[in-house]
Amino acid sequence: QLQLVESGGGLVQPGGSLRLSCAGSGFTLDYYDIGWFRQAPGKEREGVSCISSSDGSTYYAESVKGRFTISKDNAKNTVYLQMNSLKPEDTAVYYCAADPGRSTAQAMCVMLLGSSWGQGTQVTVST
């Protein structure tokens, strides 16, 4: 059974950093497109960053470009989201999702494509 488990969320001050992890089990993560999504209270879920299984290409939402970095460790079957220069507007529940490589990284993020989702991890950026 395909499972995704996020970790690494928490409370951080503006300007700080966090690294989120998305650990996969029951499948080989490298064969799937993987995305990070977030949902703030009262807002719709949005794609933050996605990485393609076919060519490793990545996509970042404009709001996080230059601050967030997505990466994979195939040996650990884990995808990371390094978040730097965090802002209060980054506060949200962050989810990772896996999709069986049917589109591009941008399409996955923009269209919220994901056949399997994790349970989410809370990120709060506040003083």
N, C-alpha and C. Protein backbone atom coordinates (compact mmCIF):
# COMPACT_ATOMS: atom_id res chain seq x y z
N GLN A 1 0.84 -1.18 0.00
CA GLN A 1 0.00 0.00 0.00
C GLN A 1 0.89 1.24 0.00
N LEU A 2 0.60 2.13 -0.92
CA LEU A 2 1.39 3.35 -1.06
C LEU A 2 1.05 4.30 0.08
N GLN A 3 2.07 4.74 0.80
CA GLN A 3 1.87 5.70 1.88
C GLN A 3 2.91 6.80 1.81
N LEU A 4 2.47 8.00 2.22
CA LEU A 4 3.35 9.16 2.31
C LEU A 4 3.22 9.75 3.71
N VAL A 5 4.34 10.05 4.32
CA VAL A 5 4.32 10.62 5.67
C VAL A 5 5.19 11.87 5.67
N GLU A 6 4.55 13.01 5.99
CA GLU A 6 5.29 14.26 6.09
C GLU A 6 5.78 14.49 7.51
N SER A 7 6.88 15.19 7.62
CA SER A 7 7.41 15.59 8.92
C SER A 7 8.26 16.84 8.75
N GLY A 8 8.59 17.46 9.87
CA GLY A 8 9.49 18.61 9.82
C GLY A 8 8.82 19.95 10.02
N GLY A 9 7.50 19.95 10.14
CA GLY A 9 6.82 21.22 10.37
C GLY A 9 7.05 21.73 11.78
N GLY A 10 6.58 22.95 12.03
CA GLY A 10 6.73 23.52 13.36
C GLY A 10 6.52 25.01 13.35
N LEU A 11 6.89 25.62 14.45
CA LEU A 11 6.78 27.07 14.61
C LEU A 11 8.15 27.69 14.37
N VAL A 12 8.19 28.71 13.53
CA VAL A 12 9.46 29.36 13.22
C VAL A 12 9.20 30.86 13.08
N GLN A 13 10.20 31.64 13.41
CA GLN A 13 10.07 33.09 13.29
C GLN A 13 10.24 33.53 11.83
N PRO A 14 9.67 34.66 11.47
CA PRO A 14 9.89 35.18 10.11
C PRO A 14 11.38 35.29 9.81
N GLY A 15 11.74 34.88 8.59
CA GLY A 15 13.13 34.86 8.20
C GLY A 15 13.83 33.55 8.48
N GLY A 16 13.19 32.68 9.23
CA GLY A 16 13.79 31.40 9.58
C GLY A 16 13.64 30.35 8.49
N SER A 17 14.10 29.14 8.82
CA SER A 17 14.10 28.04 7.86
C SER A 17 13.52 26.77 8.47
N LEU A 18 12.96 25.96 7.62
CA LEU A 18 12.50 24.62 7.99
C LEU A 18 12.77 23.70 6.81
N ARG A 19 12.97 22.41 7.11
CA ARG A 19 13.05 21.42 6.06
C ARG A 19 11.98 20.36 6.28
N LEU A 20 11.07 20.26 5.34
CA LEU A 20 10.02 19.26 5.41
C LEU A 20 10.49 17.99 4.69
N SER A 21 10.06 16.87 5.23
CA SER A 21 10.38 15.57 4.62
C SER A 21 9.09 14.85 4.25
N CYS A 22 9.14 14.13 3.16
CA CYS A 22 8.02 13.31 2.71
C CYS A 22 8.58 11.92 2.44
N ALA A 23 8.32 11.01 3.36
CA ALA A 23 8.85 9.66 3.25
C ALA A 23 7.81 8.73 2.61
N GLY A 24 8.24 8.02 1.60
CA GLY A 24 7.34 7.11 0.91
C GLY A 24 7.56 5.67 1.35
N SER A 25 6.49 4.91 1.40
CA SER A 25 6.58 3.48 1.67
C SER A 25 5.59 2.75 0.78
N GLY A 26 5.93 1.50 0.44
CA GLY A 26 5.05 0.71 -0.41
C GLY A 26 5.21 0.98 -1.89
N PHE A 27 6.13 1.87 -2.24
CA PHE A 27 6.36 2.18 -3.64
C PHE A 27 7.73 2.83 -3.77
N THR A 28 8.24 2.89 -4.99
CA THR A 28 9.51 3.55 -5.26
C THR A 28 9.22 4.98 -5.68
N LEU A 29 9.56 5.88 -4.80
CA LEU A 29 9.20 7.28 -4.98
C LEU A 29 9.78 7.87 -6.27
N ASP A 30 10.94 7.38 -6.68
CA ASP A 30 11.61 7.92 -7.86
C ASP A 30 10.81 7.71 -9.13
N TYR A 31 9.86 6.78 -9.11
CA TYR A 31 9.06 6.51 -10.29
C TYR A 31 7.80 7.37 -10.38
N TYR A 32 7.61 8.22 -9.39
CA TYR A 32 6.42 9.05 -9.32
C TYR A 32 6.78 10.53 -9.34
N ASP A 33 5.90 11.31 -9.91
CA ASP A 33 5.98 12.76 -9.72
C ASP A 33 5.59 13.04 -8.27
N ILE A 34 6.33 13.92 -7.63
CA ILE A 34 6.07 14.25 -6.24
C ILE A 34 5.87 15.75 -6.12
N GLY A 35 4.87 16.12 -5.33
CA GLY A 35 4.60 17.53 -5.15
C GLY A 35 4.37 17.90 -3.70
N TRP A 36 4.68 19.15 -3.41
CA TRP A 36 4.36 19.75 -2.12
C TRP A 36 3.24 20.76 -2.33
N PHE A 37 2.24 20.68 -1.51
CA PHE A 37 1.09 21.55 -1.58
C PHE A 37 0.84 22.13 -0.19
N ARG A 38 0.09 23.22 -0.13
CA ARG A 38 -0.23 23.78 1.17
C ARG A 38 -1.63 24.34 1.17
N GLN A 39 -2.20 24.40 2.36
CA GLN A 39 -3.54 24.96 2.51
C GLN A 39 -3.58 25.76 3.80
N ALA A 40 -3.83 27.04 3.65
CA ALA A 40 -3.96 27.93 4.80
C ALA A 40 -5.44 28.00 5.19
N PRO A 41 -5.73 28.37 6.44
CA PRO A 41 -7.12 28.47 6.88
C PRO A 41 -7.93 29.40 5.99
N GLY A 42 -9.06 28.91 5.54
CA GLY A 42 -9.94 29.73 4.72
C GLY A 42 -9.51 29.90 3.29
N LYS A 43 -8.44 29.21 2.90
CA LYS A 43 -7.94 29.33 1.52
C LYS A 43 -7.94 27.97 0.84
N GLU A 44 -7.88 28.02 -0.49
CA GLU A 44 -7.82 26.79 -1.25
C GLU A 44 -6.42 26.20 -1.21
N ARG A 45 -6.35 24.90 -1.40
CA ARG A 45 -5.05 24.23 -1.49
C ARG A 45 -4.32 24.72 -2.73
N GLU A 46 -3.02 24.92 -2.60
CA GLU A 46 -2.23 25.38 -3.75
C GLU A 46 -0.96 24.56 -3.89
N GLY A 47 -0.49 24.46 -5.10
CA GLY A 47 0.76 23.76 -5.35
C GLY A 47 1.94 24.66 -5.03
N VAL A 48 2.89 24.16 -4.28
CA VAL A 48 4.05 24.92 -3.87
C VAL A 48 5.26 24.58 -4.73
N SER A 49 5.55 23.30 -4.82
CA SER A 49 6.69 22.85 -5.62
C SER A 49 6.48 21.40 -6.00
N CYS A 50 6.83 21.08 -7.23
CA CYS A 50 6.68 19.72 -7.72
C CYS A 50 7.93 19.30 -8.49
N ILE A 51 8.16 17.99 -8.52
CA ILE A 51 9.32 17.46 -9.24
C ILE A 51 8.88 16.27 -10.09
N SER A 52 9.33 16.29 -11.32
CA SER A 52 8.92 15.27 -12.29
C SER A 52 9.77 14.01 -12.16
N SER A 53 9.14 12.87 -12.33
CA SER A 53 9.88 11.60 -12.30
C SER A 53 10.60 11.34 -13.62
N SER A 54 10.12 11.92 -14.70
CA SER A 54 10.66 11.59 -16.02
C SER A 54 12.02 12.23 -16.27
N ASP A 55 12.15 13.51 -15.87
CA ASP A 55 13.41 14.20 -16.16
C ASP A 55 13.95 15.01 -14.99
N GLY A 56 13.30 14.91 -13.84
CA GLY A 56 13.77 15.64 -12.68
C GLY A 56 13.50 17.13 -12.71
N SER A 57 12.73 17.58 -13.70
CA SER A 57 12.43 19.01 -13.76
C SER A 57 11.56 19.41 -12.58
N THR A 58 11.65 20.66 -12.22
CA THR A 58 10.94 21.15 -11.05
C THR A 58 10.08 22.36 -11.40
N TYR A 59 9.12 22.60 -10.55
CA TYR A 59 8.24 23.76 -10.67
C TYR A 59 8.09 24.38 -9.29
N TYR A 60 8.09 25.70 -9.26
CA TYR A 60 7.86 26.44 -8.02
C TYR A 60 6.79 27.48 -8.23
N ALA A 61 5.91 27.60 -7.28
CA ALA A 61 4.98 28.71 -7.31
C ALA A 61 5.74 30.02 -7.20
N GLU A 62 5.21 31.07 -7.83
CA GLU A 62 5.89 32.36 -7.82
C GLU A 62 6.17 32.85 -6.41
N SER A 63 5.25 32.56 -5.52
CA SER A 63 5.36 33.07 -4.15
C SER A 63 6.53 32.47 -3.37
N VAL A 64 7.08 31.35 -3.85
CA VAL A 64 8.17 30.69 -3.11
C VAL A 64 9.47 30.60 -3.90
N LYS A 65 9.45 31.06 -5.14
CA LYS A 65 10.67 30.99 -5.97
C LYS A 65 11.82 31.72 -5.30
N GLY A 66 12.96 31.08 -5.30
CA GLY A 66 14.16 31.67 -4.70
C GLY A 66 14.27 31.43 -3.21
N ARG A 67 13.20 30.93 -2.60
CA ARG A 67 13.21 30.68 -1.15
C ARG A 67 13.09 29.20 -0.82
N PHE A 68 12.35 28.45 -1.62
CA PHE A 68 12.10 27.04 -1.37
C PHE A 68 12.86 26.20 -2.40
N THR A 69 13.29 25.01 -1.97
CA THR A 69 13.97 24.08 -2.87
C THR A 69 13.45 22.67 -2.63
N ILE A 70 13.04 22.01 -3.70
CA ILE A 70 12.60 20.63 -3.61
C ILE A 70 13.75 19.72 -4.04
N SER A 71 13.88 18.58 -3.35
CA SER A 71 14.96 17.65 -3.70
C SER A 71 14.53 16.23 -3.32
N LYS A 72 15.24 15.26 -3.89
CA LYS A 72 14.93 13.85 -3.63
C LYS A 72 16.17 13.12 -3.14
N ASP A 73 15.96 12.18 -2.24
CA ASP A 73 17.00 11.24 -1.82
C ASP A 73 16.44 9.85 -2.11
N ASN A 74 16.82 9.30 -3.26
CA ASN A 74 16.24 8.01 -3.67
C ASN A 74 16.63 6.89 -2.72
N ALA A 75 17.81 6.97 -2.14
CA ALA A 75 18.24 5.92 -1.21
C ALA A 75 17.33 5.86 0.02
N LYS A 76 16.81 7.02 0.40
CA LYS A 76 15.92 7.08 1.57
C LYS A 76 14.45 7.10 1.15
N ASN A 77 14.19 7.07 -0.16
CA ASN A 77 12.81 7.12 -0.66
C ASN A 77 12.06 8.32 -0.07
N THR A 78 12.73 9.45 -0.07
CA THR A 78 12.22 10.66 0.60
C THR A 78 12.41 11.88 -0.30
N VAL A 79 11.42 12.75 -0.27
CA VAL A 79 11.50 14.05 -0.94
C VAL A 79 11.49 15.13 0.13
N TYR A 80 12.30 16.14 -0.08
CA TYR A 80 12.43 17.23 0.88
C TYR A 80 11.93 18.55 0.29
N LEU A 81 11.53 19.43 1.18
CA LEU A 81 11.25 20.82 0.80
C LEU A 81 12.01 21.70 1.77
N GLN A 82 13.09 22.28 1.29
CA GLN A 82 13.85 23.22 2.11
C GLN A 82 13.21 24.59 1.97
N MET A 83 12.82 25.16 3.09
CA MET A 83 12.13 26.45 3.09
C MET A 83 12.97 27.47 3.85
N ASN A 84 13.42 28.47 3.13
CA ASN A 84 14.22 29.54 3.73
C ASN A 84 13.48 30.86 3.66
N SER A 85 13.95 31.82 4.43
CA SER A 85 13.35 33.17 4.44
C SER A 85 11.84 33.10 4.58
N LEU A 86 11.41 32.33 5.54
CA LEU A 86 9.98 32.11 5.71
C LEU A 86 9.25 33.39 6.09
N LYS A 87 8.02 33.48 5.60
CA LYS A 87 7.17 34.65 5.84
C LYS A 87 5.89 34.20 6.54
N PRO A 88 5.23 35.10 7.24
CA PRO A 88 3.96 34.72 7.88
C PRO A 88 2.95 34.14 6.89
N GLU A 89 2.98 34.61 5.65
CA GLU A 89 2.03 34.09 4.66
C GLU A 89 2.36 32.67 4.20
N ASP A 90 3.47 32.13 4.64
CA ASP A 90 3.78 30.72 4.36
C ASP A 90 3.10 29.78 5.36
N THR A 91 2.46 30.36 6.37
CA THR A 91 1.76 29.54 7.36
C THR A 91 0.66 28.74 6.71
N ALA A 92 0.69 27.43 6.91
CA ALA A 92 -0.29 26.54 6.28
C ALA A 92 -0.01 25.11 6.73
N VAL A 93 -0.93 24.22 6.39
CA VAL A 93 -0.65 22.80 6.47
C VAL A 93 -0.04 22.40 5.13
N TYR A 94 1.10 21.74 5.20
CA TYR A 94 1.82 21.32 4.00
C TYR A 94 1.62 19.83 3.78
N TYR A 95 1.26 19.49 2.56
CA TYR A 95 1.02 18.11 2.19
C TYR A 95 1.97 17.71 1.06
N CYS A 96 2.36 16.45 1.05
CA CYS A 96 3.03 15.93 -0.13
C CYS A 96 2.09 14.95 -0.82
N ALA A 97 2.30 14.82 -2.12
CA ALA A 97 1.47 13.94 -2.92
C ALA A 97 2.32 13.25 -3.97
N ALA A 98 1.88 12.08 -4.37
CA ALA A 98 2.56 11.32 -5.41
C ALA A 98 1.58 11.06 -6.55
N ASP A 99 2.10 11.12 -7.77
CA ASP A 99 1.27 10.87 -8.93
C ASP A 99 2.08 10.05 -9.92
N PRO A 100 1.45 9.07 -10.56
CA PRO A 100 2.22 8.16 -11.43
C PRO A 100 2.68 8.74 -12.75
N GLY A 101 3.32 9.90 -12.71
CA GLY A 101 4.02 10.44 -13.86
C GLY A 101 3.20 10.63 -15.11
N ARG A 102 2.00 11.16 -14.97
CA ARG A 102 1.16 11.32 -16.16
C ARG A 102 1.25 12.71 -16.76
N SER A 103 2.05 13.62 -16.11
CA SER A 103 2.10 14.97 -16.66
C SER A 103 3.41 15.63 -16.28
N THR A 104 3.45 16.95 -16.34
CA THR A 104 4.67 17.69 -16.00
C THR A 104 4.63 18.14 -14.56
N ALA A 105 5.79 18.58 -14.08
CA ALA A 105 5.84 19.10 -12.71
C ALA A 105 4.91 20.30 -12.57
N GLN A 106 4.91 21.17 -13.57
CA GLN A 106 4.04 22.35 -13.49
C GLN A 106 2.58 21.94 -13.46
N ALA A 107 2.20 21.00 -14.31
CA ALA A 107 0.80 20.57 -14.35
C ALA A 107 0.41 19.96 -13.02
N MET A 108 1.31 19.18 -12.44
CA MET A 108 0.98 18.56 -11.15
C MET A 108 0.67 19.62 -10.10
N CYS A 109 1.51 20.65 -10.07
CA CYS A 109 1.32 21.69 -9.06
C CYS A 109 0.09 22.56 -9.35
N VAL A 110 -0.06 22.95 -10.59
CA VAL A 110 -1.14 23.87 -10.94
C VAL A 110 -2.51 23.19 -10.87
N MET A 111 -2.54 21.92 -11.29
CA MET A 111 -3.82 21.21 -11.34
C MET A 111 -4.03 20.34 -10.11
N LEU A 112 -3.12 20.41 -9.16
CA LEU A 112 -3.24 19.66 -7.90
C LEU A 112 -3.38 18.16 -8.17
N LEU A 113 -2.57 17.66 -9.06
CA LEU A 113 -2.62 16.25 -9.39
C LEU A 113 -1.94 15.43 -8.31
N GLY A 114 -2.60 14.37 -7.88
CA GLY A 114 -2.01 13.50 -6.87
C GLY A 114 -2.92 12.32 -6.63
N SER A 115 -2.39 11.12 -6.83
CA SER A 115 -3.21 9.93 -6.60
C SER A 115 -3.12 9.48 -5.14
N SER A 116 -2.06 9.90 -4.47
CA SER A 116 -1.90 9.57 -3.05
C SER A 116 -1.40 10.80 -2.31
N TRP A 117 -1.93 11.01 -1.11
CA TRP A 117 -1.59 12.20 -0.32
C TRP A 117 -1.18 11.80 1.09
N GLY A 118 -0.28 12.59 1.67
CA GLY A 118 0.06 12.41 3.06
C GLY A 118 -0.95 13.10 3.96
N GLN A 119 -0.71 13.03 5.26
CA GLN A 119 -1.67 13.56 6.23
C GLN A 119 -1.43 15.05 6.52
N GLY A 120 -0.28 15.56 6.10
CA GLY A 120 0.02 16.97 6.28
C GLY A 120 0.85 17.26 7.53
N THR A 121 1.58 18.36 7.47
CA THR A 121 2.35 18.84 8.61
C THR A 121 2.18 20.35 8.70
N GLN A 122 1.96 20.84 9.91
CA GLN A 122 1.67 22.26 10.12
C GLN A 122 2.96 23.08 10.14
N VAL A 123 2.96 24.15 9.38
CA VAL A 123 4.04 25.13 9.41
C VAL A 123 3.44 26.46 9.84
N THR A 124 3.98 27.02 10.92
CA THR A 124 3.51 28.31 11.42
C THR A 124 4.69 29.27 11.48
N VAL A 125 4.56 30.39 10.80
CA VAL A 125 5.60 31.42 10.78
C VAL A 125 5.07 32.62 11.52
N SER A 126 5.64 32.86 12.69
CA SER A 126 5.10 33.91 13.56
C SER A 126 6.14 34.32 14.58
N THR A 127 6.00 35.55 15.06
CA THR A 127 6.84 36.01 16.15
C THR A 127 6.22 35.60 17.48
